[in-house]
Amino acid sequence: MREAMYWEPLEGNRVRCRLCPLNCIIDEGRRGSCRVRKNIGGKLYTLNYGKVSSIAADPVEKKPLFHFYPGSCAFSIGTVGCNMHCLHCQNWEISQADETFPYLEEATPEAIVRLAKHYECESLAYTYNEPTVWYEFVLETSKLAKGEGLKNILVTNGYINEEPFRELAPYIDAMNIDIKAFRDEFYRKISKVPSLEPSKRTAVIAKKEFGIHVELTYLIIPTLNDSEEEIRAFARWVVEELGGDTPVHFSRFFPYYRL
């Protein structure tokens, strides 16, 4: 546990988290929507710093990134928590868990970088759950990895505020951003956040301003986000805002979690 970045104190020992667009206002002793940021004594703390739930040396194509060092190895790590609560989450065992998850292992940024180099991986991927809610650890690890000649990959829902993303972005080489649907209604009902706009903004900033390699994933869920009109609107946005060279992965839905 350590003090979190991007928060501000409020009256009555409450705090406002400024890491993601939910901007949670958290009473003393309570947690934000992500479950892993807690108000303790009027200060916001991150509870999952250095806590690893999942670790693997993966083909980079599994991220999925098909046009970023194809055939290479991505040393993949994840923790617990997420700022979305998608009813169809494929990693819900960790994304909807907190620091009491029984299989967490302690790790330092230095140890993660050493392991990535030991397994001859060209990149480090922050994945499996949402890396935004692991912000402090991802930032420190990505800085260290960059200095050691490794590439950094974010596999993310893109739901992060602009200021913290801009601090992290110089150390990120590639991103796969999950666009859940192309209607706010889906985000509200299925992912439990107000809007898809922050994810769109993150994608544009990443590619257009920082030159990060961006690929998108769109999981097609029959009857919920698969209308021709919605898919065409999504494709049009990709071409107009990100460019026609932006790879898009259309993924097949499998019933999972609560859907």
C-alpha atoms as a PDB file:
ATOM      1  CA  MET A   1       0.000   0.000   0.000  1.00  0.00           C
ATOM      2  CA  ARG A   2       1.227   3.471  -0.814  1.00  0.00           C
ATOM      3  CA  GLU A   3      -0.249   6.925  -1.308  1.00  0.00           C
ATOM      4  CA  ALA A   4      -1.960   7.190  -4.669  1.00  0.00           C
ATOM      5  CA  MET A   5      -1.285   9.724  -7.383  1.00  0.00           C
ATOM      6  CA  TYR A   6      -3.978  11.999  -8.821  1.00  0.00           C
ATOM      7  CA  TRP A   7      -6.368  12.815  -6.011  1.00  0.00           C
ATOM      8  CA  GLU A   8      -7.440  15.843  -4.009  1.00  0.00           C
ATOM      9  CA  PRO A   9      -8.707  16.300  -0.440  1.00  0.00           C
ATOM     10  CA  LEU A  10     -12.291  17.422   0.194  1.00  0.00           C
ATOM     11  CA  GLU A  11     -14.167  18.607   3.246  1.00  0.00           C
ATOM     12  CA  GLY A  12     -15.087  16.087   5.913  1.00  0.00           C
ATOM     13  CA  ASN A  13     -12.013  13.896   5.300  1.00  0.00           C
ATOM     14  CA  ARG A  14     -13.380  12.870   1.919  1.00  0.00           C
ATOM     15  CA  VAL A  15     -11.196  12.690  -1.189  1.00  0.00           C
ATOM     16  CA  ARG A  16     -11.765  12.883  -4.924  1.00  0.00           C
ATOM     17  CA  CYS A  17      -9.821  10.442  -7.096  1.00  0.00           C
ATOM     18  CA  ARG A  18      -8.759  12.085 -10.372  1.00  0.00           C
ATOM     19  CA  LEU A  19      -7.234   9.042 -12.063  1.00  0.00           C
ATOM     20  CA  CYS A  20     -10.161   8.051 -14.266  1.00  0.00           C
ATOM     21  CA  PRO A  21     -13.315   9.780 -15.557  1.00  0.00           C
ATOM     22  CA  LEU A  22     -15.428   8.352 -12.737  1.00  0.00           C
ATOM     23  CA  ASN A  23     -13.718  10.907 -10.462  1.00  0.00           C
ATOM     24  CA  CYS A  24     -14.950   8.986  -7.410  1.00  0.00           C
ATOM     25  CA  ILE A  25     -15.665  10.983  -4.265  1.00  0.00           C
ATOM     26  CA  ILE A  26     -14.681   8.616  -1.470  1.00  0.00           C
ATOM     27  CA  ASP A  27     -15.617   8.855   2.195  1.00  0.00           C
ATOM     28  CA  GLU A  28     -13.037   7.975   4.839  1.00  0.00           C
ATOM     29  CA  GLY A  29     -12.632   4.216   5.106  1.00  0.00           C
ATOM     30  CA  ARG A  30     -14.328   3.573   1.766  1.00  0.00           C
ATOM     31  CA  ARG A  31     -13.031   2.556  -1.666  1.00  0.00           C
ATOM     32  CA  GLY A  32     -13.497   3.862  -5.162  1.00  0.00           C
ATOM     33  CA  SER A  33     -15.417   1.992  -7.834  1.00  0.00           C
ATOM     34  CA  CYS A  34     -12.229   0.130  -8.830  1.00  0.00           C
ATOM     35  CA  ARG A  35     -12.042  -1.480  -5.345  1.00  0.00           C
ATOM     36  CA  VAL A  36      -8.286  -0.899  -5.045  1.00  0.00           C
ATOM     37  CA  ARG A  37      -8.052   2.786  -4.084  1.00  0.00           C
ATOM     38  CA  LYS A  38      -9.062   3.611  -0.529  1.00  0.00           C
ATOM     39  CA  ASN A  39      -9.480   6.707   1.610  1.00  0.00           C
ATOM     40  CA  ILE A  40      -7.477   6.145   4.788  1.00  0.00           C
ATOM     41  CA  GLY A  41      -7.416   9.064   7.193  1.00  0.00           C
ATOM     42  CA  GLY A  42      -8.287  11.593   4.513  1.00  0.00           C
ATOM     43  CA  LYS A  43      -5.590  10.407   2.066  1.00  0.00           C
ATOM     44  CA  LEU A  44      -6.054   8.194  -0.987  1.00  0.00           C
ATOM     45  CA  TYR A  45      -3.992   5.007  -1.081  1.00  0.00           C
ATOM     46  CA  THR A  46      -3.482   2.422  -3.801  1.00  0.00           C
ATOM     47  CA  LEU A  47      -3.900  -1.083  -2.389  1.00  0.00           C
ATOM     48  CA  ASN A  48      -2.542  -3.150  -5.279  1.00  0.00           C
ATOM     49  CA  TYR A  49       0.908  -1.602  -5.793  1.00  0.00           C
ATOM     50  CA  GLY A  50       3.364  -4.425  -6.480  1.00  0.00           C
ATOM     51  CA  LYS A  51       0.695  -7.110  -6.243  1.00  0.00           C
ATOM     52  CA  VAL A  52       0.654  -9.456  -9.241  1.00  0.00           C
ATOM     53  CA  SER A  53      -2.248 -11.817  -9.951  1.00  0.00           C
ATOM     54  CA  SER A  54      -1.172 -13.075 -13.367  1.00  0.00           C
ATOM     55  CA  ILE A  55       2.124 -13.435 -15.161  1.00  0.00           C
ATOM     56  CA  ALA A  56       3.105 -15.081 -18.462  1.00  0.00           C
ATOM     57  CA  ALA A  57       5.480 -14.837 -21.386  1.00  0.00           C
ATOM     58  CA  ASP A  58       2.934 -14.469 -24.213  1.00  0.00           C
ATOM     59  CA  PRO A  59       3.110 -14.138 -27.983  1.00  0.00           C
ATOM     60  CA  VAL A  60       2.472 -10.459 -28.663  1.00  0.00           C
ATOM     61  CA  GLU A  61      -0.375 -11.522 -30.960  1.00  0.00           C
ATOM     62  CA  LYS A  62      -2.300 -12.693 -27.878  1.00  0.00           C
ATOM     63  CA  LYS A  63      -2.617  -9.134 -26.549  1.00  0.00           C
ATOM     64  CA  PRO A  64      -3.919  -8.843 -29.355  1.00  0.00           C
ATOM     65  CA  LEU A  65      -1.354  -6.864 -31.343  1.00  0.00           C
ATOM     66  CA  PHE A  66      -0.878  -8.134 -34.889  1.00  0.00           C
ATOM     67  CA  HIS A  67       1.229  -5.271 -36.274  1.00  0.00           C
ATOM     68  CA  PHE A  68       3.668  -4.552 -33.437  1.00  0.00           C
ATOM     69  CA  TYR A  69       6.837  -6.675 -33.535  1.00  0.00           C
ATOM     70  CA  PRO A  70       4.961  -9.748 -34.814  1.00  0.00           C
ATOM     71  CA  GLY A  71       6.384 -13.030 -33.641  1.00  0.00           C
ATOM     72  CA  SER A  72       7.928 -11.454 -30.540  1.00  0.00           C
ATOM     73  CA  CYS A  73       7.371 -12.227 -26.856  1.00  0.00           C
ATOM     74  CA  ALA A  74       5.458  -9.906 -24.508  1.00  0.00           C
ATOM     75  CA  PHE A  75       6.078 -10.429 -20.807  1.00  0.00           C
ATOM     76  CA  SER A  76       2.544 -10.001 -19.500  1.00  0.00           C
ATOM     77  CA  ILE A  77       1.510  -9.010 -15.981  1.00  0.00           C
ATOM     78  CA  GLY A  78      -1.754  -8.120 -14.297  1.00  0.00           C
ATOM     79  CA  THR A  79      -3.126  -7.341 -10.849  1.00  0.00           C
ATOM     80  CA  VAL A  80      -6.678  -6.967  -9.482  1.00  0.00           C
ATOM     81  CA  GLY A  81      -9.389  -4.334  -9.939  1.00  0.00           C
ATOM     82  CA  CYS A  82     -11.009  -2.441 -12.780  1.00  0.00           C
ATOM     83  CA  ASN A  83     -12.838   0.845 -13.215  1.00  0.00           C
ATOM     84  CA  MET A  84     -15.482  -0.885 -15.342  1.00  0.00           C
ATOM     85  CA  HIS A  85     -17.804  -3.701 -14.290  1.00  0.00           C
ATOM     86  CA  CYS A  86     -18.677  -5.311 -17.611  1.00  0.00           C
ATOM     87  CA  LEU A  87     -21.317  -8.002 -17.335  1.00  0.00           C
ATOM     88  CA  HIS A  88     -19.419 -10.127 -19.865  1.00  0.00           C
ATOM     89  CA  CYS A  89     -15.895  -9.737 -18.441  1.00  0.00           C
ATOM     90  CA  GLN A  90     -13.647 -12.655 -19.400  1.00  0.00           C
ATOM     91  CA  ASN A  91     -11.229 -11.968 -16.521  1.00  0.00           C
ATOM     92  CA  TRP A  92     -13.815 -11.186 -13.866  1.00  0.00           C
ATOM     93  CA  GLU A  93     -12.050 -13.345 -11.255  1.00  0.00           C
ATOM     94  CA  ILE A  94      -9.312 -10.706 -11.040  1.00  0.00           C
ATOM     95  CA  SER A  95     -10.934  -7.588 -12.509  1.00  0.00           C
ATOM     96  CA  GLN A  96     -13.721  -7.641  -9.934  1.00  0.00           C
ATOM     97  CA  ALA A  97     -11.425  -8.628  -7.037  1.00  0.00           C
ATOM     98  CA  ASP A  98      -9.410  -6.562  -4.573  1.00  0.00           C
ATOM     99  CA  GLU A  99      -6.131  -6.932  -2.691  1.00  0.00           C
ATOM    100  CA  THR A 100      -7.541  -9.836  -0.665  1.00  0.00           C
ATOM    101  CA  PHE A 101      -7.438 -12.058  -3.778  1.00  0.00           C
ATOM    102  CA  PRO A 102      -5.691 -15.189  -2.445  1.00  0.00           C
ATOM    103  CA  TYR A 103      -3.213 -15.760  -5.279  1.00  0.00           C
ATOM    104  CA  LEU A 104      -1.456 -12.388  -5.360  1.00  0.00           C
ATOM    105  CA  GLU A 105       2.344 -12.354  -5.379  1.00  0.00           C
ATOM    106  CA  GLU A 106       4.553  -9.417  -4.395  1.00  0.00           C
ATOM    107  CA  ALA A 107       6.841  -7.965  -7.055  1.00  0.00           C
ATOM    108  CA  THR A 108       8.957  -4.873  -7.632  1.00  0.00           C
ATOM    109  CA  PRO A 109       9.412  -3.039 -10.940  1.00  0.00           C
ATOM    110  CA  GLU A 110      13.042  -4.182 -10.928  1.00  0.00           C
ATOM    111  CA  ALA A 111      12.042  -7.829 -10.542  1.00  0.00           C
ATOM    112  CA  ILE A 112       9.505  -7.607 -13.365  1.00  0.00           C
ATOM    113  CA  VAL A 113      12.050  -6.101 -15.747  1.00  0.00           C
ATOM    114  CA  ARG A 114      14.623  -8.748 -14.785  1.00  0.00           C
ATOM    115  CA  LEU A 115      12.112 -11.524 -15.499  1.00  0.00           C
ATOM    116  CA  ALA A 116      11.158 -10.019 -18.857  1.00  0.00           C
ATOM    117  CA  LYS A 117      14.802  -9.955 -19.894  1.00  0.00           C
ATOM    118  CA  HIS A 118      15.430 -13.439 -18.491  1.00  0.00           C
ATOM    119  CA  TYR A 119      12.659 -14.853 -20.699  1.00  0.00           C
ATOM    120  CA  GLU A 120      14.025 -12.901 -23.678  1.00  0.00           C
ATOM    121  CA  CYS A 121      10.851 -10.866 -24.155  1.00  0.00           C
ATOM    122  CA  GLU A 122      11.032  -7.748 -26.292  1.00  0.00           C
ATOM    123  CA  SER A 123       8.209  -6.011 -24.445  1.00  0.00           C
ATOM    124  CA  LEU A 124       6.307  -5.720 -21.184  1.00  0.00           C
ATOM    125  CA  ALA A 125       2.503  -5.859 -21.384  1.00  0.00           C
ATOM    126  CA  TYR A 126       0.229  -4.532 -18.649  1.00  0.00           C
ATOM    127  CA  THR A 127      -2.856  -6.636 -19.229  1.00  0.00           C
ATOM    128  CA  TYR A 128      -5.390  -9.190 -17.944  1.00  0.00           C
ATOM    129  CA  ASN A 129      -7.159  -6.625 -15.743  1.00  0.00           C
ATOM    130  CA  GLU A 130      -7.308  -2.852 -16.297  1.00  0.00           C
ATOM    131  CA  PRO A 131      -3.816  -1.324 -15.967  1.00  0.00           C
ATOM    132  CA  THR A 132      -5.242   2.141 -15.235  1.00  0.00           C
ATOM    133  CA  VAL A 133      -6.096   1.072 -11.664  1.00  0.00           C
ATOM    134  CA  TRP A 134      -2.464  -0.123 -11.249  1.00  0.00           C
ATOM    135  CA  TYR A 135      -1.256   3.282 -12.361  1.00  0.00           C
ATOM    136  CA  GLU A 136       1.592   3.914  -9.935  1.00  0.00           C
ATOM    137  CA  PHE A 137       3.166   0.490 -10.485  1.00  0.00           C
ATOM    138  CA  VAL A 138       2.708   0.643 -14.260  1.00  0.00           C
ATOM    139  CA  LEU A 139       4.280   4.106 -14.417  1.00  0.00           C
ATOM    140  CA  GLU A 140       7.335   3.119 -12.409  1.00  0.00           C
ATOM    141  CA  THR A 141       7.794  -0.195 -14.199  1.00  0.00           C
ATOM    142  CA  SER A 142       7.380   1.283 -17.662  1.00  0.00           C
ATOM    143  CA  LYS A 143       9.995   3.956 -16.943  1.00  0.00           C
ATOM    144  CA  LEU A 144      12.460   1.317 -15.814  1.00  0.00           C
ATOM    145  CA  ALA A 145      11.645  -0.984 -18.734  1.00  0.00           C
ATOM    146  CA  LYS A 146      12.113   1.834 -21.233  1.00  0.00           C
ATOM    147  CA  GLY A 147      15.549   2.544 -19.794  1.00  0.00           C
ATOM    148  CA  GLU A 148      16.452  -1.144 -20.200  1.00  0.00           C
ATOM    149  CA  GLY A 149      15.475  -1.184 -23.877  1.00  0.00           C
ATOM    150  CA  LEU A 150      12.116  -2.960 -23.492  1.00  0.00           C
ATOM    151  CA  LYS A 151       8.909  -1.863 -25.187  1.00  0.00           C
ATOM    152  CA  ASN A 152       5.812  -1.156 -23.075  1.00  0.00           C
ATOM    153  CA  ILE A 153       2.296  -2.287 -24.031  1.00  0.00           C
ATOM    154  CA  LEU A 154      -1.004  -1.263 -22.451  1.00  0.00           C
ATOM    155  CA  VAL A 155      -4.016  -3.525 -22.948  1.00  0.00           C
ATOM    156  CA  THR A 156      -6.721  -1.222 -21.705  1.00  0.00           C
ATOM    157  CA  ASN A 157     -10.282   0.044 -21.853  1.00  0.00           C
ATOM    158  CA  GLY A 158      -8.831   3.527 -22.344  1.00  0.00           C
ATOM    159  CA  TYR A 159     -10.910   4.874 -19.456  1.00  0.00           C
ATOM    160  CA  ILE A 160      -8.352   7.223 -17.920  1.00  0.00           C
ATOM    161  CA  ASN A 161      -8.271  10.971 -17.365  1.00  0.00           C
ATOM    162  CA  GLU A 162      -6.185  13.025 -19.736  1.00  0.00           C
ATOM    163  CA  GLU A 163      -3.608  14.352 -17.254  1.00  0.00           C
ATOM    164  CA  PRO A 164      -2.465  10.974 -15.872  1.00  0.00           C
ATOM    165  CA  PHE A 165      -2.495   9.467 -19.349  1.00  0.00           C
ATOM    166  CA  ARG A 166      -0.252  12.221 -20.664  1.00  0.00           C
ATOM    167  CA  GLU A 167       2.238  11.505 -17.879  1.00  0.00           C
ATOM    168  CA  LEU A 168       2.311   7.796 -18.722  1.00  0.00           C
ATOM    169  CA  ALA A 169       2.132   8.023 -22.520  1.00  0.00           C
ATOM    170  CA  PRO A 170       5.809   8.901 -23.214  1.00  0.00           C
ATOM    171  CA  TYR A 171       6.801   5.473 -21.884  1.00  0.00           C
ATOM    172  CA  ILE A 172       4.184   3.479 -23.826  1.00  0.00           C
ATOM    173  CA  ASP A 173       5.003   2.052 -27.256  1.00  0.00           C
ATOM    174  CA  ALA A 174       1.797   0.189 -28.142  1.00  0.00           C
ATOM    175  CA  MET A 175      -1.783  -0.083 -26.944  1.00  0.00           C
ATOM    176  CA  ASN A 176      -4.715  -2.327 -27.611  1.00  0.00           C
ATOM    177  CA  ILE A 177      -7.782  -0.337 -26.606  1.00  0.00           C
ATOM    178  CA  ASP A 178     -11.027  -2.162 -26.004  1.00  0.00           C
ATOM    179  CA  ILE A 179     -13.981  -0.307 -27.506  1.00  0.00           C
ATOM    180  CA  LYS A 180     -16.921  -2.050 -25.860  1.00  0.00           C
ATOM    181  CA  ALA A 181     -19.606  -0.691 -28.186  1.00  0.00           C
ATOM    182  CA  PHE A 182     -20.345   2.546 -29.988  1.00  0.00           C
ATOM    183  CA  ARG A 183     -23.288   3.742 -27.904  1.00  0.00           C
ATOM    184  CA  ASP A 184     -23.259   5.335 -24.469  1.00  0.00           C
ATOM    185  CA  GLU A 185     -26.283   3.248 -23.533  1.00  0.00           C
ATOM    186  CA  PHE A 186     -24.182   0.067 -23.745  1.00  0.00           C
ATOM    187  CA  TYR A 187     -21.480   1.578 -21.557  1.00  0.00           C
ATOM    188  CA  ARG A 188     -24.064   2.576 -18.956  1.00  0.00           C
ATOM    189  CA  LYS A 189     -25.998  -0.709 -18.900  1.00  0.00           C
ATOM    190  CA  ILE A 190     -23.285  -3.294 -19.577  1.00  0.00           C
ATOM    191  CA  SER A 191     -19.980  -1.711 -18.511  1.00  0.00           C
ATOM    192  CA  LYS A 192     -21.427   0.454 -15.712  1.00  0.00           C
ATOM    193  CA  VAL A 193     -19.734   3.733 -16.679  1.00  0.00           C
ATOM    194  CA  PRO A 194     -21.389   6.852 -18.129  1.00  0.00           C
ATOM    195  CA  SER A 195     -19.899   7.158 -21.607  1.00  0.00           C
ATOM    196  CA  LEU A 196     -17.531   5.820 -24.245  1.00  0.00           C
ATOM    197  CA  GLU A 197     -16.084   9.288 -24.949  1.00  0.00           C
ATOM    198  CA  PRO A 198     -13.066   8.982 -22.614  1.00  0.00           C
ATOM    199  CA  SER A 199     -11.922   5.791 -24.369  1.00  0.00           C
ATOM    200  CA  LYS A 200     -12.222   7.475 -27.758  1.00  0.00           C
ATOM    201  CA  ARG A 201     -10.261  10.483 -26.507  1.00  0.00           C
ATOM    202  CA  THR A 202      -7.479   8.262 -25.141  1.00  0.00           C
ATOM    203  CA  ALA A 203      -7.135   6.499 -28.495  1.00  0.00           C
ATOM    204  CA  VAL A 204      -6.863   9.765 -30.403  1.00  0.00           C
ATOM    205  CA  ILE A 205      -4.329  11.297 -28.000  1.00  0.00           C
ATOM    206  CA  ALA A 206      -2.251   8.108 -27.991  1.00  0.00           C
ATOM    207  CA  LYS A 207      -1.962   7.841 -31.745  1.00  0.00           C
ATOM    208  CA  LYS A 208      -2.132  11.431 -32.949  1.00  0.00           C
ATOM    209  CA  GLU A 209      -0.137  13.207 -30.241  1.00  0.00           C
ATOM    210  CA  PHE A 210       2.264  10.574 -28.910  1.00  0.00           C
ATOM    211  CA  GLY A 211       2.718   8.348 -31.958  1.00  0.00           C
ATOM    212  CA  ILE A 212       1.845   5.226 -29.969  1.00  0.00           C
ATOM    213  CA  HIS A 213       0.990   2.178 -32.059  1.00  0.00           C
ATOM    214  CA  VAL A 214      -2.754   1.675 -31.490  1.00  0.00           C
ATOM    215  CA  GLU A 215      -4.886  -1.352 -32.294  1.00  0.00           C
ATOM    216  CA  LEU A 216      -8.535  -1.620 -31.267  1.00  0.00           C
ATOM    217  CA  THR A 217     -10.668  -4.542 -30.157  1.00  0.00           C
ATOM    218  CA  TYR A 218     -14.446  -4.633 -30.606  1.00  0.00           C
ATOM    219  CA  LEU A 219     -16.137  -7.652 -29.043  1.00  0.00           C
ATOM    220  CA  ILE A 220     -19.327  -8.355 -30.967  1.00  0.00           C
ATOM    221  CA  ILE A 221     -22.191  -9.305 -28.631  1.00  0.00           C
ATOM    222  CA  PRO A 222     -25.301 -10.420 -30.539  1.00  0.00           C
ATOM    223  CA  THR A 223     -28.283  -8.072 -30.085  1.00  0.00           C
ATOM    224  CA  LEU A 224     -26.342  -5.657 -27.850  1.00  0.00           C
ATOM    225  CA  ASN A 225     -23.696  -3.982 -30.026  1.00  0.00           C
ATOM    226  CA  ASP A 226     -23.841  -5.742 -33.386  1.00  0.00           C
ATOM    227  CA  SER A 227     -26.206  -3.663 -35.500  1.00  0.00           C
ATOM    228  CA  GLU A 228     -24.961  -2.644 -38.928  1.00  0.00           C
ATOM    229  CA  GLU A 229     -25.558   1.002 -38.042  1.00  0.00           C
ATOM    230  CA  GLU A 230     -23.404   0.785 -34.916  1.00  0.00           C
ATOM    231  CA  ILE A 231     -20.561  -1.113 -36.590  1.00  0.00           C
ATOM    232  CA  ARG A 232     -20.539   1.370 -39.479  1.00  0.00           C
ATOM    233  CA  ALA A 233     -20.439   4.302 -37.042  1.00  0.00           C
ATOM    234  CA  PHE A 234     -17.500   2.714 -35.236  1.00  0.00           C
ATOM    235  CA  ALA A 235     -15.618   2.015 -38.469  1.00  0.00           C
ATOM    236  CA  ARG A 236     -16.264   5.555 -39.722  1.00  0.00           C
ATOM    237  CA  TRP A 237     -14.862   7.007 -36.483  1.00  0.00           C
ATOM    238  CA  VAL A 238     -11.740   4.833 -36.751  1.00  0.00           C
ATOM    239  CA  VAL A 239     -11.012   6.040 -40.278  1.00  0.00           C
ATOM    240  CA  GLU A 240     -11.834   9.704 -39.643  1.00  0.00           C
ATOM    241  CA  GLU A 241     -10.189  10.127 -36.232  1.00  0.00           C
ATOM    242  CA  LEU A 242      -7.400   7.507 -36.124  1.00  0.00           C
ATOM    243  CA  GLY A 243      -6.757   6.755 -39.792  1.00  0.00           C
ATOM    244  CA  GLY A 244      -7.492   3.892 -42.131  1.00  0.00           C
ATOM    245  CA  ASP A 245      -4.224   2.173 -41.186  1.00  0.00           C
ATOM    246  CA  THR A 246      -5.486   1.461 -37.650  1.00  0.00           C
ATOM    247  CA  PRO A 247      -5.909  -2.295 -37.077  1.00  0.00           C
ATOM    248  CA  VAL A 248      -9.252  -3.394 -35.620  1.00  0.00           C
ATOM    249  CA  HIS A 249      -9.904  -6.810 -34.069  1.00  0.00           C
ATOM    250  CA  PHE A 250     -13.521  -7.945 -34.157  1.00  0.00           C
ATOM    251  CA  SER A 251     -13.790 -10.624 -31.484  1.00  0.00           C
ATOM    252  CA  ARG A 252     -16.339 -13.372 -31.004  1.00  0.00           C
ATOM    253  CA  PHE A 253     -18.568 -13.340 -27.916  1.00  0.00           C
ATOM    254  CA  PHE A 254     -18.640 -16.276 -25.510  1.00  0.00           C
ATOM    255  CA  PRO A 255     -21.121 -16.285 -22.600  1.00  0.00           C
ATOM    256  CA  TYR A 256     -19.205 -15.398 -19.470  1.00  0.00           C
ATOM    257  CA  TYR A 257     -19.572 -13.934 -15.995  1.00  0.00           C
ATOM    258  CA  ARG A 258     -23.085 -12.416 -15.838  1.00  0.00           C
ATOM    259  CA  LEU A 259     -23.914 -12.338 -19.543  1.00  0.00           C
END
